[in-house]
All heavy atoms as atom14 arrays in JSON, in Angstrom:
{
  "sequence": "LSHSSVFSVYIDAQETIWVGTYYGGVNYFNAEREIFAHYTD",
  "atom14_mask": [
    [1, 1, 1, 1, 1, 1, 1, 1, 0, 0, 0, 0, 0, 0],
    [1, 1, 1, 1, 1, 1, 0, 0, 0, 0, 0, 0, 0, 0],
    [1, 1, 1, 1, 1, 1, 1, 1, 1, 1, 0, 0, 0, 0],
    [1, 1, 1, 1, 1, 1, 0, 0, 0, 0, 0, 0, 0, 0],
    [1, 1, 1, 1, 1, 1, 0, 0, 0, 0, 0, 0, 0, 0],
    [1, 1, 1, 1, 1, 1, 1, 0, 0, 0, 0, 0, 0, 0],
    [1, 1, 1, 1, 1, 1, 1, 1, 1, 1, 1, 0, 0, 0],
    [1, 1, 1, 1, 1, 1, 0, 0, 0, 0, 0, 0, 0, 0],
    [1, 1, 1, 1, 1, 1, 1, 0, 0, 0, 0, 0, 0, 0],
    [1, 1, 1, 1, 1, 1, 1, 1, 1, 1, 1, 1, 0, 0],
    [1, 1, 1, 1, 1, 1, 1, 1, 0, 0, 0, 0, 0, 0],
    [1, 1, 1, 1, 1, 1, 1, 1, 0, 0, 0, 0, 0, 0],
    [1, 1, 1, 1, 1, 0, 0, 0, 0, 0, 0, 0, 0, 0],
    [1, 1, 1, 1, 1, 1, 1, 1, 1, 0, 0, 0, 0, 0],
    [1, 1, 1, 1, 1, 1, 1, 1, 1, 0, 0, 0, 0, 0],
    [1, 1, 1, 1, 1, 1, 1, 0, 0, 0, 0, 0, 0, 0],
    [1, 1, 1, 1, 1, 1, 1, 1, 0, 0, 0, 0, 0, 0],
    [1, 1, 1, 1, 1, 1, 1, 1, 1, 1, 1, 1, 1, 1],
    [1, 1, 1, 1, 1, 1, 1, 0, 0, 0, 0, 0, 0, 0],
    [1, 1, 1, 1, 0, 0, 0, 0, 0, 0, 0, 0, 0, 0],
    [1, 1, 1, 1, 1, 1, 1, 0, 0, 0, 0, 0, 0, 0],
    [1, 1, 1, 1, 1, 1, 1, 1, 1, 1, 1, 1, 0, 0],
    [1, 1, 1, 1, 1, 1, 1, 1, 1, 1, 1, 1, 0, 0],
    [1, 1, 1, 1, 0, 0, 0, 0, 0, 0, 0, 0, 0, 0],
    [1, 1, 1, 1, 0, 0, 0, 0, 0, 0, 0, 0, 0, 0],
    [1, 1, 1, 1, 1, 1, 1, 0, 0, 0, 0, 0, 0, 0],
    [1, 1, 1, 1, 1, 1, 1, 1, 0, 0, 0, 0, 0, 0],
    [1, 1, 1, 1, 1, 1, 1, 1, 1, 1, 1, 1, 0, 0],
    [1, 1, 1, 1, 1, 1, 1, 1, 1, 1, 1, 0, 0, 0],
    [1, 1, 1, 1, 1, 1, 1, 1, 0, 0, 0, 0, 0, 0],
    [1, 1, 1, 1, 1, 0, 0, 0, 0, 0, 0, 0, 0, 0],
    [1, 1, 1, 1, 1, 1, 1, 1, 1, 0, 0, 0, 0, 0],
    [1, 1, 1, 1, 1, 1, 1, 1, 1, 1, 1, 0, 0, 0],
    [1, 1, 1, 1, 1, 1, 1, 1, 1, 0, 0, 0, 0, 0],
    [1, 1, 1, 1, 1, 1, 1, 1, 0, 0, 0, 0, 0, 0],
    [1, 1, 1, 1, 1, 1, 1, 1, 1, 1, 1, 0, 0, 0],
    [1, 1, 1, 1, 1, 0, 0, 0, 0, 0, 0, 0, 0, 0],
    [1, 1, 1, 1, 1, 1, 1, 1, 1, 1, 0, 0, 0, 0],
    [1, 1, 1, 1, 1, 1, 1, 1, 1, 1, 1, 1, 0, 0],
    [1, 1, 1, 1, 1, 1, 1, 0, 0, 0, 0, 0, 0, 0],
    [1, 1, 1, 1, 1, 1, 1, 1, 0, 0, 0, 0, 0, 0]
  ],
  "atom14_positions": [
    [[12.13, -14.47, 11.38], [12.48, -14.04, 10.03], [11.23, -14.0, 9.16], [10.34, -14.84, 9.29], [13.48, -15.01, 9.41], [14.96, -14.86, 9.77], [15.75, -16.0, 9.15], [15.5, -13.53, 9.29], [0.0, 0.0, 0.0], [0.0, 0.0, 0.0], [0.0, 0.0, 0.0], [0.0, 0.0, 0.0], [0.0, 0.0, 0.0], [0.0, 0.0, 0.0]],
    [[11.17, -13.03, 8.26], [10.03, -12.92, 7.35], [10.11, -13.93, 6.21], [9.11, -14.23, 5.56], [9.94, -11.51, 6.78], [11.14, -11.18, 6.09], [0.0, 0.0, 0.0], [0.0, 0.0, 0.0], [0.0, 0.0, 0.0], [0.0, 0.0, 0.0], [0.0, 0.0, 0.0], [0.0, 0.0, 0.0], [0.0, 0.0, 0.0], [0.0, 0.0, 0.0]],
    [[11.32, -14.46, 5.96], [11.5, -15.47, 4.92], [12.79, -16.23, 5.22], [13.77, -15.64, 5.67], [11.58, -14.8, 3.54], [11.4, -15.76, 2.41], [12.46, -16.29, 1.69], [10.28, -16.3, 1.85], [12.0, -17.09, 0.75], [10.69, -17.12, 0.82], [0.0, 0.0, 0.0], [0.0, 0.0, 0.0], [0.0, 0.0, 0.0], [0.0, 0.0, 0.0]],
    [[12.81, -17.54, 4.99], [13.94, -18.36, 5.4], [15.11, -18.32, 4.43], [16.23, -18.67, 4.8], [13.5, -19.82, 5.61], [12.68, -19.92, 6.75], [0.0, 0.0, 0.0], [0.0, 0.0, 0.0], [0.0, 0.0, 0.0], [0.0, 0.0, 0.0], [0.0, 0.0, 0.0], [0.0, 0.0, 0.0], [0.0, 0.0, 0.0], [0.0, 0.0, 0.0]],
    [[14.87, -17.91, 3.19], [15.95, -17.86, 2.21], [16.71, -16.54, 2.39], [16.21, -15.47, 2.05], [15.4, -17.96, 0.79], [16.45, -17.93, -0.15], [0.0, 0.0, 0.0], [0.0, 0.0, 0.0], [0.0, 0.0, 0.0], [0.0, 0.0, 0.0], [0.0, 0.0, 0.0], [0.0, 0.0, 0.0], [0.0, 0.0, 0.0], [0.0, 0.0, 0.0]],
    [[17.92, -16.62, 2.94], [18.69, -15.42, 3.3], [19.83, -15.24, 2.29], [20.67, -16.12, 2.11], [19.27, -15.55, 4.73], [20.15, -14.36, 5.06], [18.13, -15.68, 5.73], [0.0, 0.0, 0.0], [0.0, 0.0, 0.0], [0.0, 0.0, 0.0], [0.0, 0.0, 0.0], [0.0, 0.0, 0.0], [0.0, 0.0, 0.0], [0.0, 0.0, 0.0]],
    [[19.85, -14.06, 1.65], [20.88, -13.77, 0.66], [21.98, -12.86, 1.21], [23.13, -12.96, 0.81], [20.26, -13.12, -0.58], [20.09, -14.09, -1.71], [18.85, -14.66, -1.95], [21.14, -14.45, -2.51], [18.68, -15.57, -2.98], [20.99, -15.36, -3.55], [19.75, -15.91, -3.78], [0.0, 0.0, 0.0], [0.0, 0.0, 0.0], [0.0, 0.0, 0.0]],
    [[21.63, -11.93, 2.1], [22.63, -10.94, 2.55], [22.56, -10.78, 4.06], [21.48, -10.81, 4.67], [22.4, -9.6, 1.87], [21.04, -9.21, 1.95], [0.0, 0.0, 0.0], [0.0, 0.0, 0.0], [0.0, 0.0, 0.0], [0.0, 0.0, 0.0], [0.0, 0.0, 0.0], [0.0, 0.0, 0.0], [0.0, 0.0, 0.0], [0.0, 0.0, 0.0]],
    [[23.75, -10.63, 4.67], [23.86, -10.4, 6.12], [24.86, -9.27, 6.32], [25.94, -9.26, 5.71], [24.36, -11.66, 6.86], [24.38, -11.41, 8.37], [23.48, -12.86, 6.54], [0.0, 0.0, 0.0], [0.0, 0.0, 0.0], [0.0, 0.0, 0.0], [0.0, 0.0, 0.0], [0.0, 0.0, 0.0], [0.0, 0.0, 0.0], [0.0, 0.0, 0.0]],
    [[24.52, -8.32, 7.19], [25.41, -7.18, 7.42], [25.25, -6.72, 8.87], [24.14, -6.68, 9.39], [25.07, -6.03, 6.47], [26.06, -4.88, 6.52], [27.21, -4.89, 5.73], [25.87, -3.8, 7.37], [28.13, -3.85, 5.77], [26.78, -2.76, 7.43], [27.9, -2.78, 6.62], [28.81, -1.75, 6.68], [0.0, 0.0, 0.0], [0.0, 0.0, 0.0]],
    [[26.37, -6.39, 9.52], [26.34, -5.88, 10.89], [26.78, -4.43, 10.86], [27.89, -4.12, 10.4], [27.24, -6.71, 11.82], [26.75, -8.17, 11.83], [27.25, -6.12, 13.22], [27.56, -9.09, 12.7], [0.0, 0.0, 0.0], [0.0, 0.0, 0.0], [0.0, 0.0, 0.0], [0.0, 0.0, 0.0], [0.0, 0.0, 0.0], [0.0, 0.0, 0.0]],
    [[25.93, -3.52, 11.33], [26.23, -2.09, 11.23], [27.04, -1.61, 12.43], [27.46, -2.39, 13.29], [24.94, -1.27, 11.04], [24.04, -1.25, 12.28], [24.52, -1.61, 13.38], [22.87, -0.86, 12.15], [0.0, 0.0, 0.0], [0.0, 0.0, 0.0], [0.0, 0.0, 0.0], [0.0, 0.0, 0.0], [0.0, 0.0, 0.0], [0.0, 0.0, 0.0]],
    [[27.26, -0.29, 12.49], [28.12, 0.3, 13.5], [27.55, 0.17, 14.91], [28.27, 0.27, 15.9], [28.36, 1.77, 13.19], [0.0, 0.0, 0.0], [0.0, 0.0, 0.0], [0.0, 0.0, 0.0], [0.0, 0.0, 0.0], [0.0, 0.0, 0.0], [0.0, 0.0, 0.0], [0.0, 0.0, 0.0], [0.0, 0.0, 0.0], [0.0, 0.0, 0.0]],
    [[26.25, -0.06, 15.04], [25.62, -0.22, 16.35], [25.38, -1.68, 16.7], [24.59, -1.98, 17.58], [24.3, 0.55, 16.38], [24.48, 2.06, 16.29], [23.16, 2.8, 16.34], [22.17, 2.35, 15.77], [23.13, 3.91, 17.03], [0.0, 0.0, 0.0], [0.0, 0.0, 0.0], [0.0, 0.0, 0.0], [0.0, 0.0, 0.0], [0.0, 0.0, 0.0]],
    [[26.07, -2.59, 15.98], [25.97, -4.04, 16.21], [24.59, -4.6, 15.87], [24.23, -5.7, 16.29], [26.31, -4.4, 17.67], [27.73, -4.08, 18.06], [28.75, -4.94, 17.32], [28.46, -6.11, 17.05], [29.83, -4.42, 17.0], [0.0, 0.0, 0.0], [0.0, 0.0, 0.0], [0.0, 0.0, 0.0], [0.0, 0.0, 0.0], [0.0, 0.0, 0.0]],
    [[23.8, -3.85, 15.09], [22.53, -4.39, 14.6], [22.8, -5.29, 13.41], [23.58, -4.94, 12.52], [21.58, -3.25, 14.19], [21.3, -2.44, 15.33], [20.27, -3.8, 13.63], [0.0, 0.0, 0.0], [0.0, 0.0, 0.0], [0.0, 0.0, 0.0], [0.0, 0.0, 0.0], [0.0, 0.0, 0.0], [0.0, 0.0, 0.0], [0.0, 0.0, 0.0]],
    [[22.17, -6.44, 13.39], [22.33, -7.38, 12.29], [21.17, -7.2, 11.31], [20.0, -7.3, 11.68], [22.38, -8.83, 12.79], [23.59, -9.02, 13.71], [22.45, -9.82, 11.64], [23.74, -10.42, 14.27], [0.0, 0.0, 0.0], [0.0, 0.0, 0.0], [0.0, 0.0, 0.0], [0.0, 0.0, 0.0], [0.0, 0.0, 0.0], [0.0, 0.0, 0.0]],
    [[21.52, -6.9, 10.06], [20.54, -6.72, 8.99], [20.57, -7.97, 8.11], [21.63, -8.43, 7.7], [20.87, -5.49, 8.15], [20.8, -4.2, 8.93], [21.76, -3.71, 9.78], [19.74, -3.25, 8.93], [21.34, -2.5, 10.3], [20.12, -2.2, 9.79], [18.51, -3.17, 8.26], [19.3, -1.09, 10.02], [17.71, -2.07, 8.49], [18.09, -1.05, 9.36]],
    [[19.4, -8.49, 7.81], [19.27, -9.73, 7.07], [18.39, -9.48, 5.85], [17.22, -9.12, 5.99], [18.66, -10.85, 7.95], [18.58, -12.16, 7.18], [19.46, -11.02, 9.23], [0.0, 0.0, 0.0], [0.0, 0.0, 0.0], [0.0, 0.0, 0.0], [0.0, 0.0, 0.0], [0.0, 0.0, 0.0], [0.0, 0.0, 0.0], [0.0, 0.0, 0.0]],
    [[18.96, -9.67, 4.66], [18.2, -9.53, 3.43], [17.73, -10.88, 2.95], [18.52, -11.82, 2.81], [0.0, 0.0, 0.0], [0.0, 0.0, 0.0], [0.0, 0.0, 0.0], [0.0, 0.0, 0.0], [0.0, 0.0, 0.0], [0.0, 0.0, 0.0], [0.0, 0.0, 0.0], [0.0, 0.0, 0.0], [0.0, 0.0, 0.0], [0.0, 0.0, 0.0]],
    [[16.43, -11.01, 2.72], [15.85, -12.29, 2.31], [15.47, -12.28, 0.84], [15.43, -11.23, 0.19], [14.6, -12.62, 3.15], [13.55, -11.69, 2.81], [14.9, -12.51, 4.64], [0.0, 0.0, 0.0], [0.0, 0.0, 0.0], [0.0, 0.0, 0.0], [0.0, 0.0, 0.0], [0.0, 0.0, 0.0], [0.0, 0.0, 0.0], [0.0, 0.0, 0.0]],
    [[15.16, -13.46, 0.31], [14.82, -13.57, -1.1], [13.4, -13.09, -1.38], [13.12, -12.56, -2.45], [14.98, -15.01, -1.57], [14.69, -15.16, -3.04], [15.59, -14.68, -4.0], [13.52, -15.77, -3.49], [15.33, -14.8, -5.35], [13.25, -15.9, -4.85], [14.16, -15.41, -5.76], [13.9, -15.52, -7.1], [0.0, 0.0, 0.0], [0.0, 0.0, 0.0]],
    [[12.48, -13.28, -0.42], [11.1, -12.88, -0.69], [10.43, -12.27, 0.53], [9.22, -12.26, 0.64], [10.29, -14.09, -1.19], [9.08, -13.69, -2.01], [9.24, -13.2, -3.3], [7.8, -13.8, -1.49], [8.14, -12.83, -4.05], [6.69, -13.44, -2.24], [6.87, -12.95, -3.51], [5.78, -12.58, -4.26], [0.0, 0.0, 0.0], [0.0, 0.0, 0.0]],
    [[11.24, -11.74, 1.46], [10.64, -11.15, 2.66], [11.2, -9.8, 3.01], [11.02, -9.33, 4.14], [0.0, 0.0, 0.0], [0.0, 0.0, 0.0], [0.0, 0.0, 0.0], [0.0, 0.0, 0.0], [0.0, 0.0, 0.0], [0.0, 0.0, 0.0], [0.0, 0.0, 0.0], [0.0, 0.0, 0.0], [0.0, 0.0, 0.0], [0.0, 0.0, 0.0]],
    [[11.89, -9.14, 2.07], [12.46, -7.84, 2.37], [13.64, -7.92, 3.34], [14.36, -8.91, 3.38], [0.0, 0.0, 0.0], [0.0, 0.0, 0.0], [0.0, 0.0, 0.0], [0.0, 0.0, 0.0], [0.0, 0.0, 0.0], [0.0, 0.0, 0.0], [0.0, 0.0, 0.0], [0.0, 0.0, 0.0], [0.0, 0.0, 0.0], [0.0, 0.0, 0.0]],
    [[13.78, -6.87, 4.15], [14.89, -6.77, 5.09], [14.39, -6.97, 6.52], [13.38, -6.4, 6.92], [15.58, -5.39, 4.99], [16.75, -5.29, 5.96], [16.07, -5.13, 3.58], [0.0, 0.0, 0.0], [0.0, 0.0, 0.0], [0.0, 0.0, 0.0], [0.0, 0.0, 0.0], [0.0, 0.0, 0.0], [0.0, 0.0, 0.0], [0.0, 0.0, 0.0]],
    [[15.11, -7.77, 7.28], [14.86, -7.94, 8.72], [16.06, -7.39, 9.48], [17.18, -7.45, 8.98], [14.71, -9.42, 9.08], [13.55, -10.1, 8.39], [12.64, -10.58, 9.03], [13.58, -10.15, 7.07], [0.0, 0.0, 0.0], [0.0, 0.0, 0.0], [0.0, 0.0, 0.0], [0.0, 0.0, 0.0], [0.0, 0.0, 0.0], [0.0, 0.0, 0.0]],
    [[15.84, -6.85, 10.67], [16.97, -6.46, 11.5], [16.71, -6.81, 12.95], [15.57, -6.85, 13.4], [17.31, -4.97, 11.34], [16.27, -4.0, 11.85], [16.31, -3.53, 13.16], [15.24, -3.54, 11.02], [15.37, -2.64, 13.63], [14.31, -2.65, 11.47], [14.37, -2.2, 12.78], [13.42, -1.32, 13.25], [0.0, 0.0, 0.0], [0.0, 0.0, 0.0]],
    [[17.78, -7.1, 13.67], [17.67, -7.43, 15.09], [19.02, -7.21, 15.75], [20.03, -7.03, 15.07], [17.2, -8.88, 15.3], [18.22, -9.93, 14.94], [18.94, -10.57, 15.92], [18.45, -10.26, 13.62], [19.89, -11.53, 15.59], [19.39, -11.22, 13.28], [20.11, -11.86, 14.27], [0.0, 0.0, 0.0], [0.0, 0.0, 0.0], [0.0, 0.0, 0.0]],
    [[19.03, -7.22, 17.07], [20.26, -7.05, 17.82], [20.64, -8.36, 18.49], [19.86, -8.92, 19.25], [20.12, -5.95, 18.87], [21.47, -5.45, 19.35], [22.25, -6.23, 19.87], [21.74, -4.18, 19.17], [0.0, 0.0, 0.0], [0.0, 0.0, 0.0], [0.0, 0.0, 0.0], [0.0, 0.0, 0.0], [0.0, 0.0, 0.0], [0.0, 0.0, 0.0]],
    [[21.84, -8.84, 18.18], [22.27, -10.15, 18.67], [22.43, -10.18, 20.19], [22.49, -11.26, 20.78], [23.59, -10.54, 18.02], [0.0, 0.0, 0.0], [0.0, 0.0, 0.0], [0.0, 0.0, 0.0], [0.0, 0.0, 0.0], [0.0, 0.0, 0.0], [0.0, 0.0, 0.0], [0.0, 0.0, 0.0], [0.0, 0.0, 0.0], [0.0, 0.0, 0.0]],
    [[22.53, -9.0, 20.83], [22.66, -8.98, 22.3], [21.51, -9.73, 22.95], [21.66, -10.33, 24.01], [22.68, -7.52, 22.79], [23.89, -6.72, 22.36], [25.09, -6.98, 23.23], [24.95, -7.71, 24.22], [26.17, -6.48, 22.92], [0.0, 0.0, 0.0], [0.0, 0.0, 0.0], [0.0, 0.0, 0.0], [0.0, 0.0, 0.0], [0.0, 0.0, 0.0]],
    [[20.34, -9.69, 22.34], [19.19, -10.35, 22.94], [19.37, -11.86, 23.02], [18.75, -12.53, 23.84], [17.93, -10.02, 22.14], [17.58, -8.54, 22.18], [16.32, -8.26, 21.38], [16.01, -6.83, 21.39], [15.01, -6.28, 20.72], [14.22, -7.06, 20.0], [14.79, -4.99, 20.77], [0.0, 0.0, 0.0], [0.0, 0.0, 0.0], [0.0, 0.0, 0.0]],
    [[20.22, -12.39, 22.14], [20.44, -13.82, 22.14], [21.23, -14.28, 23.37], [21.22, -15.45, 23.71], [21.19, -14.24, 20.87], [20.41, -14.04, 19.61], [19.14, -14.86, 19.61], [19.17, -16.03, 19.97], [18.09, -14.29, 19.26], [0.0, 0.0, 0.0], [0.0, 0.0, 0.0], [0.0, 0.0, 0.0], [0.0, 0.0, 0.0], [0.0, 0.0, 0.0]],
    [[21.97, -13.35, 24.01], [22.75, -13.74, 25.18], [22.29, -12.98, 26.42], [22.99, -12.85, 27.4], [24.25, -13.48, 24.94], [24.51, -12.01, 24.63], [24.78, -14.35, 23.84], [25.95, -11.62, 24.76], [0.0, 0.0, 0.0], [0.0, 0.0, 0.0], [0.0, 0.0, 0.0], [0.0, 0.0, 0.0], [0.0, 0.0, 0.0], [0.0, 0.0, 0.0]],
    [[21.08, -12.43, 26.35], [20.59, -11.6, 27.45], [20.24, -12.47, 28.65], [19.59, -13.49, 28.52], [19.35, -10.83, 27.0], [19.25, -9.47, 27.61], [19.74, -8.37, 26.93], [18.68, -9.29, 28.85], [19.66, -7.11, 27.48], [18.59, -8.04, 29.4], [19.08, -6.94, 28.72], [0.0, 0.0, 0.0], [0.0, 0.0, 0.0], [0.0, 0.0, 0.0]],
    [[20.68, -12.06, 29.81], [20.36, -12.77, 31.05], [19.61, -11.83, 31.98], [19.93, -10.65, 32.06], [21.63, -13.26, 31.73], [0.0, 0.0, 0.0], [0.0, 0.0, 0.0], [0.0, 0.0, 0.0], [0.0, 0.0, 0.0], [0.0, 0.0, 0.0], [0.0, 0.0, 0.0], [0.0, 0.0, 0.0], [0.0, 0.0, 0.0], [0.0, 0.0, 0.0]],
    [[18.58, -12.34, 32.63], [17.8, -11.53, 33.56], [18.24, -11.85, 34.98], [18.21, -13.01, 35.41], [16.3, -11.83, 33.39], [15.45, -11.11, 34.4], [14.53, -11.74, 35.18], [15.42, -9.8, 34.75], [13.94, -10.86, 35.98], [14.46, -9.68, 35.73], [0.0, 0.0, 0.0], [0.0, 0.0, 0.0], [0.0, 0.0, 0.0], [0.0, 0.0, 0.0]],
    [[18.66, -10.83, 35.7], [19.09, -11.01, 37.09], [17.99, -10.47, 38.0], [17.78, -9.27, 38.09], [20.41, -10.27, 37.34], [21.56, -10.83, 36.53], [21.9, -10.27, 35.3], [22.27, -11.94, 36.96], [22.93, -10.8, 34.54], [23.31, -12.48, 36.21], [23.63, -11.9, 35.01], [24.66, -12.42, 34.26], [0.0, 0.0, 0.0], [0.0, 0.0, 0.0]],
    [[17.3, -11.38, 38.65], [16.23, -10.98, 39.55], [16.81, -10.61, 40.91], [18.02, -10.7, 41.13], [15.21, -12.12, 39.69], [14.09, -11.68, 40.47], [15.84, -13.33, 40.37], [0.0, 0.0, 0.0], [0.0, 0.0, 0.0], [0.0, 0.0, 0.0], [0.0, 0.0, 0.0], [0.0, 0.0, 0.0], [0.0, 0.0, 0.0], [0.0, 0.0, 0.0]],
    [[15.96, -10.18, 41.84], [16.45, -9.81, 43.17], [16.12, -10.9, 44.18], [14.97, -11.33, 44.3], [15.84, -8.47, 43.6], [14.33, -8.52, 43.72], [13.68, -8.8, 42.69], [13.79, -8.27, 44.8], [0.0, 0.0, 0.0], [0.0, 0.0, 0.0], [0.0, 0.0, 0.0], [0.0, 0.0, 0.0], [0.0, 0.0, 0.0], [0.0, 0.0, 0.0]]
  ]
}
């Protein structure tokens, strides 16, 4: 996160999470990465 003070949270149609901060502008990320598993061979 660009700033820890978070004022707004929104999830768009593509499941991207947008995070509005008090002094760091807007951050966005995809929550799928939080549960991503790598399957090796």
